[in-house]
Amino acid sequence: MKIRAAVLEEMQRPRPYATSRPMVIGEVDLDPPGEGELLIKIHAAGLCHSDLSTINGDRPRQMPMVLGHEAAAEVVEAGKGVSDIKVGDHVVLVFMPSCGHCLPCAEGRPALCETGAKANGAGTLLSGGMRLTRKGQTLYHHIGVSAYAEYAVVSRRSVIKVDRTLPYEEAALFGCAVVTGAGAVINTAKVPAGSSVAVVGLGGVGLMAVMAAKLAGCRQIVAVDMLRAKLDLAMTCGATHAVEVKAGVDGVEAVKDVTGGGVDFGFEMAGSAKALELAYKITRRGGTTITAGLPHPTHTVPIPVTNLVAEERTLKGSYVGSCVPERDIPRFIALYQQGLLPVDKLMSERIGLDDINTGFDRLADGASVRQILLPAGKGASSSGVG
């Protein structure tokens, strides 16, 4: 079938993207779903830093590629062998498909699925198949989803069926921002009530970590960012303190001043080695530093080994929030519907496919938290960081 999609032609085109246009909007061909796959209609997709990191080259991928990994959709057709998902079901997309058979999957850690990681790295679906072409040229899939399009073919293992009453625009956020940010706090760190927490980097994932810390009953939640507007938004999401990192401000000392020496848990959510170094330095003796950011693969952080040992410090990564999507996405949705996890505060502008390059300029500038792409429409713009 013929569909409209945003195709990333090459990485590292210069800013502004509105001028260099790294993503070309046009018609591509989408093959029918194979065995164990679904044809879905994309109703909403978030513009996320993980997509931006592919555009700017921080996360190298195969080119050309249809981007987009955080989305909500409606099932249009089920391929052979799919019996538990029906036409008309509403689904949230999961960017790490899990085979269910490798060692991490058997251990209950589907975010670390070996087969899924291999497929994502190759730009294919979980089966190894590819369903996108343009004028005979193969187009790669973005981490099993490719949601910046009107329709997509995905593995059954890339979707979670969700409550049909949940609006698509809100549902999309649960596939990345929510599971990554809230999961890092709840699953990876297992933050106990009464803890002190700092979150460095207040994009969608960082703000979700703030909300989850409040939900967990933390006594202090310090929001750390370079943008005042994001700090103000974090205060409405549950932060108790805000630290603006700017010229002339020692972020480490500022956090230690308001926390009495550092926090029990420091979270890095900016995708920056410098942000991780800051998060580590503001974590107190015996504390834990969690990173869910994905900077360029060559970037490193110097960690004094004696400090790590003598202070019994923990430094830990969190991928997909250490989530089991089948378990956690319905739980997080229920918490949102009860008013305990205000996910809707992340939502910024609504845009159409034709506005996507400008949208990534806004994301790169920090002017938006989560812009929502509506592939079938032009979108309706709204202002403000939140």
Protein backbone atom coordinates (compact mmCIF):
# COMPACT_ATOMS: atom_id res chain seq x y z
CA MET A 1 0.00 0.00 0.00
CA LYS A 2 1.02 3.62 -0.56
CA ILE A 3 1.49 5.75 2.58
CA ARG A 4 2.98 9.12 3.53
CA ALA A 5 6.00 8.97 5.79
CA ALA A 6 8.97 11.00 7.06
CA VAL A 7 12.18 9.47 5.70
CA LEU A 8 15.49 10.43 7.31
CA GLU A 9 17.84 10.66 4.32
CA GLU A 10 21.11 11.14 6.19
CA MET A 11 22.37 11.98 9.66
CA GLN A 12 24.20 15.13 10.77
CA ARG A 13 22.62 17.65 8.43
CA PRO A 14 23.18 21.16 9.85
CA ARG A 15 20.72 23.15 11.91
CA PRO A 16 18.21 24.58 11.41
CA TYR A 17 16.47 21.42 10.25
CA ALA A 18 13.66 23.52 8.82
CA THR A 19 16.21 24.59 6.18
CA SER A 20 18.40 21.48 5.76
CA ARG A 21 15.34 19.18 5.88
CA PRO A 22 16.96 15.89 6.97
CA MET A 23 13.54 14.23 6.84
CA VAL A 24 11.76 14.15 3.51
CA ILE A 25 7.98 13.81 3.56
CA GLY A 26 6.59 11.76 0.71
CA GLU A 27 5.02 8.58 -0.53
CA VAL A 28 6.53 5.19 0.31
CA ASP A 29 5.40 1.61 -0.18
CA LEU A 30 4.42 -0.55 2.78
CA ASP A 31 4.18 -4.31 2.30
CA PRO A 32 1.49 -6.37 4.06
CA PRO A 33 2.24 -7.87 7.48
CA GLY A 34 4.08 -11.17 7.55
CA GLU A 35 3.64 -13.99 10.03
CA GLY A 36 3.47 -12.70 13.58
CA GLU A 37 3.09 -9.09 12.41
CA LEU A 38 0.43 -6.37 12.39
CA LEU A 39 -0.60 -3.57 10.07
CA ILE A 40 -1.43 -0.56 12.20
CA LYS A 41 -2.71 2.96 11.60
CA ILE A 42 -0.62 5.51 13.49
CA HIS A 43 -2.84 8.02 15.27
CA ALA A 44 -0.23 9.84 17.39
CA ALA A 45 3.56 9.79 17.79
CA GLY A 46 5.87 11.73 20.10
CA LEU A 47 8.97 13.65 19.03
CA CYS A 48 11.63 12.24 21.34
CA HIS A 49 15.34 12.90 21.95
CA SER A 50 16.08 9.35 20.83
CA ASP A 51 14.83 10.32 17.36
CA LEU A 52 16.79 13.59 17.53
CA SER A 53 19.89 11.59 18.47
CA THR A 54 19.57 9.68 15.22
CA ILE A 55 19.07 12.87 13.22
CA ASN A 56 22.16 14.54 14.72
CA GLY A 57 24.29 11.39 14.57
CA ASP A 58 24.61 10.66 18.29
CA ARG A 59 22.84 7.33 17.75
CA PRO A 60 24.10 6.03 14.39
CA ARG A 61 21.58 4.01 12.42
CA GLN A 62 21.18 2.52 8.96
CA MET A 63 20.05 5.03 6.32
CA PRO A 64 17.59 5.90 4.82
CA MET A 65 15.13 5.21 7.63
CA VAL A 66 11.57 6.03 8.64
CA LEU A 67 11.95 7.41 12.16
CA GLY A 68 9.56 7.40 15.14
CA HIS A 69 9.32 4.99 18.05
CA GLU A 70 6.89 6.46 20.62
CA ALA A 71 3.37 6.03 19.31
CA ALA A 72 -0.22 4.83 19.68
CA ALA A 73 -2.14 3.16 16.89
CA GLU A 74 -5.17 1.14 15.80
CA VAL A 75 -4.82 -2.39 14.46
CA VAL A 76 -5.95 -2.62 10.83
CA GLU A 77 -4.84 -6.16 9.91
CA ALA A 78 -3.37 -9.10 11.79
CA GLY A 79 -0.87 -11.34 10.04
CA LYS A 80 -0.79 -15.12 10.13
CA GLY A 81 -0.33 -16.58 13.60
CA VAL A 82 -1.59 -13.52 15.50
CA SER A 83 -4.68 -14.48 17.49
CA ASP A 84 -4.58 -12.38 20.66
CA ILE A 85 -4.69 -8.98 18.94
CA LYS A 86 -7.75 -8.11 16.87
CA VAL A 87 -8.60 -5.59 14.18
CA GLY A 88 -9.80 -2.40 15.88
CA ASP A 89 -7.72 -2.89 19.04
CA HIS A 90 -5.85 0.15 20.32
CA VAL A 91 -2.15 -0.41 20.97
CA VAL A 92 0.90 1.38 22.37
CA LEU A 93 4.14 0.73 20.51
CA VAL A 94 7.17 -0.68 22.36
CA PHE A 95 10.57 0.16 20.86
CA MET A 96 12.31 -2.96 22.20
CA PRO A 97 10.50 -6.05 20.90
CA SER A 98 11.16 -9.17 22.94
CA CYS A 99 11.44 -12.68 21.53
CA GLY A 100 10.41 -14.35 24.80
CA HIS A 101 13.05 -17.08 24.40
CA CYS A 102 16.55 -15.65 24.92
CA LEU A 103 18.21 -15.62 28.36
CA PRO A 104 17.22 -12.02 29.32
CA CYS A 105 13.61 -12.70 28.30
CA ALA A 106 13.62 -15.95 30.28
CA GLU A 107 14.88 -13.99 33.29
CA GLY A 108 11.98 -11.55 33.03
CA ARG A 109 14.09 -8.75 31.52
CA PRO A 110 12.54 -8.21 28.06
CA ALA A 111 14.16 -4.76 27.74
CA LEU A 112 17.46 -6.61 27.25
CA CYS A 113 16.17 -9.07 24.64
CA GLU A 114 19.12 -10.22 22.54
CA THR A 115 17.06 -10.91 19.42
CA GLY A 116 15.27 -7.57 19.69
CA ALA A 117 18.55 -5.69 20.14
CA LYS A 118 20.02 -7.38 17.07
CA ALA A 119 16.96 -6.53 14.94
CA ASN A 120 16.90 -2.92 16.14
CA GLY A 121 20.58 -2.51 15.35
CA ALA A 122 20.05 -3.87 11.86
CA GLY A 123 17.01 -1.67 11.19
CA THR A 124 14.65 -4.60 10.67
CA LEU A 125 11.55 -5.98 12.34
CA LEU A 126 11.95 -8.68 14.99
CA SER A 127 11.70 -11.37 12.29
CA GLY A 128 14.54 -9.81 10.34
CA GLY A 129 12.07 -8.76 7.65
CA MET A 130 11.70 -5.30 6.12
CA ARG A 131 8.40 -3.91 4.84
CA LEU A 132 9.25 -0.39 3.61
CA THR A 133 10.48 0.68 0.18
CA ARG A 134 10.57 3.85 -1.91
CA LYS A 135 10.91 3.60 -5.69
CA GLY A 136 12.46 0.18 -5.25
CA GLN A 137 14.88 1.30 -2.53
CA THR A 138 14.71 -0.47 0.83
CA LEU A 139 13.96 1.78 3.80
CA TYR A 140 15.07 0.77 7.28
CA HIS A 141 12.78 0.49 10.30
CA HIS A 142 13.49 2.63 13.36
CA ILE A 143 13.79 0.28 16.35
CA GLY A 144 10.95 -1.89 15.12
CA VAL A 145 8.36 0.89 14.90
CA SER A 146 8.85 3.67 12.26
CA ALA A 147 5.93 5.69 13.54
CA TYR A 148 6.41 8.93 11.59
CA ALA A 149 4.04 7.65 8.97
CA GLU A 150 0.34 7.13 8.35
CA TYR A 151 0.64 3.35 8.72
CA ALA A 152 3.28 0.85 9.86
CA VAL A 153 3.90 -2.88 9.91
CA VAL A 154 5.30 -4.07 13.22
CA SER A 155 5.93 -7.28 15.11
CA ARG A 156 3.19 -8.48 17.44
CA ARG A 157 5.94 -8.30 20.06
CA SER A 158 6.20 -4.53 19.52
CA VAL A 159 2.70 -3.66 20.74
CA ILE A 160 0.74 -3.60 23.98
CA LYS A 161 -3.05 -3.60 23.84
CA VAL A 162 -4.48 -0.72 25.88
CA ASP A 163 -7.76 0.74 27.11
CA ARG A 164 -9.74 2.09 24.15
CA THR A 165 -10.98 5.05 26.21
CA LEU A 166 -7.46 6.46 26.52
CA PRO A 167 -6.92 9.18 23.86
CA TYR A 168 -4.25 8.28 21.32
CA GLU A 169 -2.26 11.46 21.97
CA GLU A 170 -1.86 10.53 25.63
CA ALA A 171 -1.43 6.82 24.99
CA ALA A 172 1.59 7.45 22.74
CA LEU A 173 3.65 8.80 25.64
CA PHE A 174 3.46 5.51 27.54
CA GLY A 175 5.61 3.77 24.93
CA CYS A 176 8.79 5.70 25.75
CA ALA A 177 8.67 8.75 28.05
CA VAL A 178 6.56 7.04 30.70
CA VAL A 179 8.16 3.59 30.75
CA THR A 180 11.68 5.03 30.58
CA GLY A 181 11.31 7.80 33.17
CA ALA A 182 8.89 6.24 35.63
CA GLY A 183 10.43 2.82 35.15
CA ALA A 184 13.90 4.07 36.06
CA VAL A 185 12.57 5.25 39.42
CA ILE A 186 10.18 2.41 40.20
CA ASN A 187 11.85 -0.61 38.57
CA THR A 188 15.56 0.12 38.21
CA ALA A 189 16.20 2.14 41.37
CA LYS A 190 13.27 0.79 43.40
CA VAL A 191 13.27 4.11 45.26
CA PRO A 192 11.89 3.71 48.82
CA ALA A 193 9.46 6.19 50.36
CA GLY A 194 11.24 8.97 52.21
CA SER A 195 14.27 9.03 49.90
CA SER A 196 15.91 12.11 48.42
CA VAL A 197 16.16 12.26 44.63
CA ALA A 198 17.68 14.54 41.99
CA VAL A 199 16.75 14.41 38.31
CA VAL A 200 19.23 15.96 35.87
CA GLY A 201 17.60 16.77 32.51
CA LEU A 202 13.92 17.65 32.29
CA GLY A 203 12.71 16.44 28.95
CA GLY A 204 9.77 14.06 28.81
CA VAL A 205 11.73 11.23 30.44
CA GLY A 206 13.14 13.43 33.20
CA LEU A 207 9.76 14.91 34.05
CA MET A 208 8.30 11.41 34.25
CA ALA A 209 11.05 10.53 36.72
CA VAL A 210 10.02 13.54 38.81
CA MET A 211 6.38 12.40 38.77
CA ALA A 212 7.36 8.84 39.70
CA ALA A 213 9.53 10.08 42.56
CA LYS A 214 6.56 11.96 43.94
CA LEU A 215 4.39 8.86 43.51
CA ALA A 216 7.03 6.85 45.42
CA GLY A 217 6.81 9.25 48.37
CA CYS A 218 10.23 10.88 48.15
CA ARG A 219 10.85 13.59 50.74
CA GLN A 220 13.05 15.71 48.46
CA ILE A 221 12.89 15.86 44.66
CA VAL A 222 15.46 18.20 43.13
CA ALA A 223 14.94 19.14 39.48
CA VAL A 224 18.11 20.15 37.62
CA ASP A 225 18.18 21.75 34.16
CA MET A 226 19.56 24.67 32.16
CA LEU A 227 16.12 26.04 31.21
CA ARG A 228 14.00 27.96 33.69
CA ALA A 229 10.72 27.06 31.96
CA LYS A 230 11.40 23.35 32.37
CA LEU A 231 12.28 23.83 36.02
CA ASP A 232 9.00 25.67 36.55
CA LEU A 233 7.13 22.81 34.89
CA ALA A 234 8.97 20.29 37.07
CA MET A 235 7.74 22.11 40.16
CA THR A 236 4.16 21.49 39.01
CA CYS A 237 5.02 17.80 38.48
CA GLY A 238 6.19 17.16 42.05
CA ALA A 239 9.68 18.62 42.39
CA THR A 240 10.38 20.21 45.78
CA HIS A 241 13.48 22.16 44.67
CA ALA A 242 14.77 23.53 41.36
CA VAL A 243 18.42 24.10 40.45
CA GLU A 244 19.16 26.06 37.28
CA VAL A 245 22.56 25.15 35.84
CA LYS A 246 23.98 28.25 34.17
CA ALA A 247 27.15 30.32 33.95
CA GLY A 248 28.46 31.14 37.39
CA VAL A 249 26.44 28.43 39.13
CA ASP A 250 28.13 25.32 40.54
CA GLY A 251 25.39 22.75 40.06
CA VAL A 252 27.02 20.25 42.40
CA GLU A 253 27.27 22.68 45.28
CA ALA A 254 23.78 24.05 44.61
CA VAL A 255 22.24 20.58 44.92
CA LYS A 256 24.33 19.70 47.97
CA ASP A 257 23.26 22.94 49.63
CA VAL A 258 19.53 22.20 49.32
CA THR A 259 19.89 18.50 50.22
CA GLY A 260 22.40 18.71 53.04
CA GLY A 261 25.24 16.96 51.24
CA GLY A 262 23.69 15.13 48.29
CA VAL A 263 20.84 12.81 47.36
CA ASP A 264 20.17 9.13 47.90
CA PHE A 265 19.39 8.68 44.19
CA GLY A 266 20.71 10.75 41.30
CA PHE A 267 19.07 10.29 37.89
CA GLU A 268 20.66 11.38 34.60
CA MET A 269 17.98 11.87 31.93
CA ALA A 270 19.66 14.31 29.53
CA GLY A 271 21.63 11.91 27.34
CA SER A 272 24.83 13.77 28.17
CA ALA A 273 28.11 12.58 29.67
CA LYS A 274 28.44 15.89 31.53
CA ALA A 275 24.96 15.44 32.96
CA LEU A 276 25.88 11.94 34.16
CA GLU A 277 29.02 13.29 35.80
CA LEU A 278 26.89 15.88 37.59
CA ALA A 279 24.34 13.26 38.68
CA TYR A 280 27.15 11.10 40.07
CA LYS A 281 28.74 13.98 41.99
CA ILE A 282 25.47 14.99 43.66
CA THR A 283 24.78 11.45 44.88
CA ARG A 284 25.71 10.99 48.54
CA ARG A 285 27.90 8.31 50.11
CA GLY A 286 26.23 4.93 49.82
CA GLY A 287 23.87 6.30 47.20
CA THR A 288 22.86 5.17 43.71
CA THR A 289 23.22 6.97 40.40
CA ILE A 290 20.96 5.84 37.56
CA THR A 291 21.41 6.84 33.92
CA ALA A 292 18.74 6.41 31.26
CA GLY A 293 20.33 8.81 28.79
CA LEU A 294 21.98 7.74 25.53
CA PRO A 295 24.82 10.08 24.53
CA HIS A 296 27.15 9.44 21.59
CA PRO A 297 28.71 5.94 21.93
CA THR A 298 32.23 7.38 22.17
CA HIS A 299 31.47 9.66 25.14
CA THR A 300 32.84 8.59 28.52
CA VAL A 301 32.73 9.74 32.14
CA PRO A 302 35.74 9.63 34.52
CA ILE A 303 34.81 7.86 37.76
CA PRO A 304 37.34 7.67 40.63
CA VAL A 305 37.50 3.98 41.51
CA THR A 306 38.47 4.62 45.12
CA ASN A 307 35.44 6.86 45.48
CA LEU A 308 33.21 4.15 44.03
CA VAL A 309 34.57 1.58 46.49
CA ALA A 310 35.20 3.56 49.67
CA GLU A 311 31.78 5.23 49.54
CA GLU A 312 29.95 2.05 48.44
CA ARG A 313 28.46 3.89 45.50
CA THR A 314 26.30 2.29 42.81
CA LEU A 315 26.26 3.41 39.17
CA LYS A 316 23.60 1.70 37.11
CA GLY A 317 22.03 1.91 33.66
CA SER A 318 18.31 1.73 32.96
CA TYR A 319 16.96 0.76 29.54
CA VAL A 320 13.24 1.00 28.81
CA GLY A 321 12.94 1.67 32.53
CA SER A 322 13.77 -2.00 33.26
CA CYS A 323 10.12 -2.53 32.36
CA VAL A 324 8.09 -5.58 31.49
CA PRO A 325 5.79 -3.73 29.07
CA GLU A 326 2.89 -6.20 29.29
CA ARG A 327 2.86 -5.63 33.05
CA ASP A 328 3.94 -2.04 33.44
CA ILE A 329 2.21 -0.08 30.67
CA PRO A 330 -1.31 -1.03 31.87
CA ARG A 331 -0.23 -0.23 35.45
CA PHE A 332 1.10 3.20 34.49
CA ILE A 333 -2.05 3.93 32.48
CA ALA A 334 -4.20 3.04 35.49
CA LEU A 335 -2.13 5.36 37.70
CA TYR A 336 -2.59 8.16 35.15
CA GLN A 337 -6.34 7.57 35.00
CA GLN A 338 -6.47 7.80 38.80
CA GLY A 339 -4.69 11.16 38.71
CA LEU A 340 -1.51 9.82 40.34
CA LEU A 341 0.79 10.14 37.33
CA PRO A 342 -0.12 13.34 35.39
CA VAL A 343 1.37 12.27 32.05
CA ASP A 344 -0.67 14.86 30.13
CA LYS A 345 1.56 17.64 31.55
CA LEU A 346 4.26 16.54 29.12
CA MET A 347 2.22 17.41 26.05
CA SER A 348 3.27 20.46 24.04
CA GLU A 349 2.36 21.22 20.40
CA ARG A 350 0.40 19.06 17.99
CA ILE A 351 1.99 18.99 14.55
CA GLY A 352 1.55 17.32 11.17
CA LEU A 353 4.08 15.40 9.07
CA ASP A 354 4.93 18.50 7.04
CA ASP A 355 6.04 20.30 10.23
CA ILE A 356 8.35 17.58 11.51
CA ASN A 357 11.70 19.19 10.67
CA THR A 358 10.67 22.42 12.40
CA GLY A 359 9.44 20.31 15.30
CA PHE A 360 12.89 18.82 15.80
CA ASP A 361 14.39 22.31 15.79
CA ARG A 362 12.07 23.12 18.69
CA LEU A 363 13.07 19.93 20.50
CA ALA A 364 16.79 20.61 19.98
CA ASP A 365 16.32 24.14 21.34
CA GLY A 366 14.53 22.83 24.44
CA ALA A 367 11.42 24.81 23.49
CA SER A 368 9.10 21.80 23.84
CA VAL A 369 8.78 18.75 26.06
CA ARG A 370 6.67 16.39 23.94
CA GLN A 371 5.32 17.51 20.61
CA ILE A 372 2.69 15.10 19.31
CA LEU A 373 2.76 14.20 15.63
CA LEU A 374 -0.63 13.53 14.09
CA PRO A 375 0.27 11.75 10.81
CA ALA A 376 -3.21 11.98 9.33
CA GLY A 377 -3.65 15.71 9.98
CA LYS A 378 -1.85 19.03 10.03
CA GLY A 379 -1.96 19.39 13.80
CA ALA A 380 -2.94 22.38 15.90
CA SER A 381 -0.09 24.32 17.43
CA SER A 382 -0.03 25.40 21.06
CA SER A 383 2.60 27.47 22.82
CA GLY A 384 4.76 26.97 25.89
CA VAL A 385 7.18 24.36 27.14
CA GLY A 386 4.51 22.27 28.84
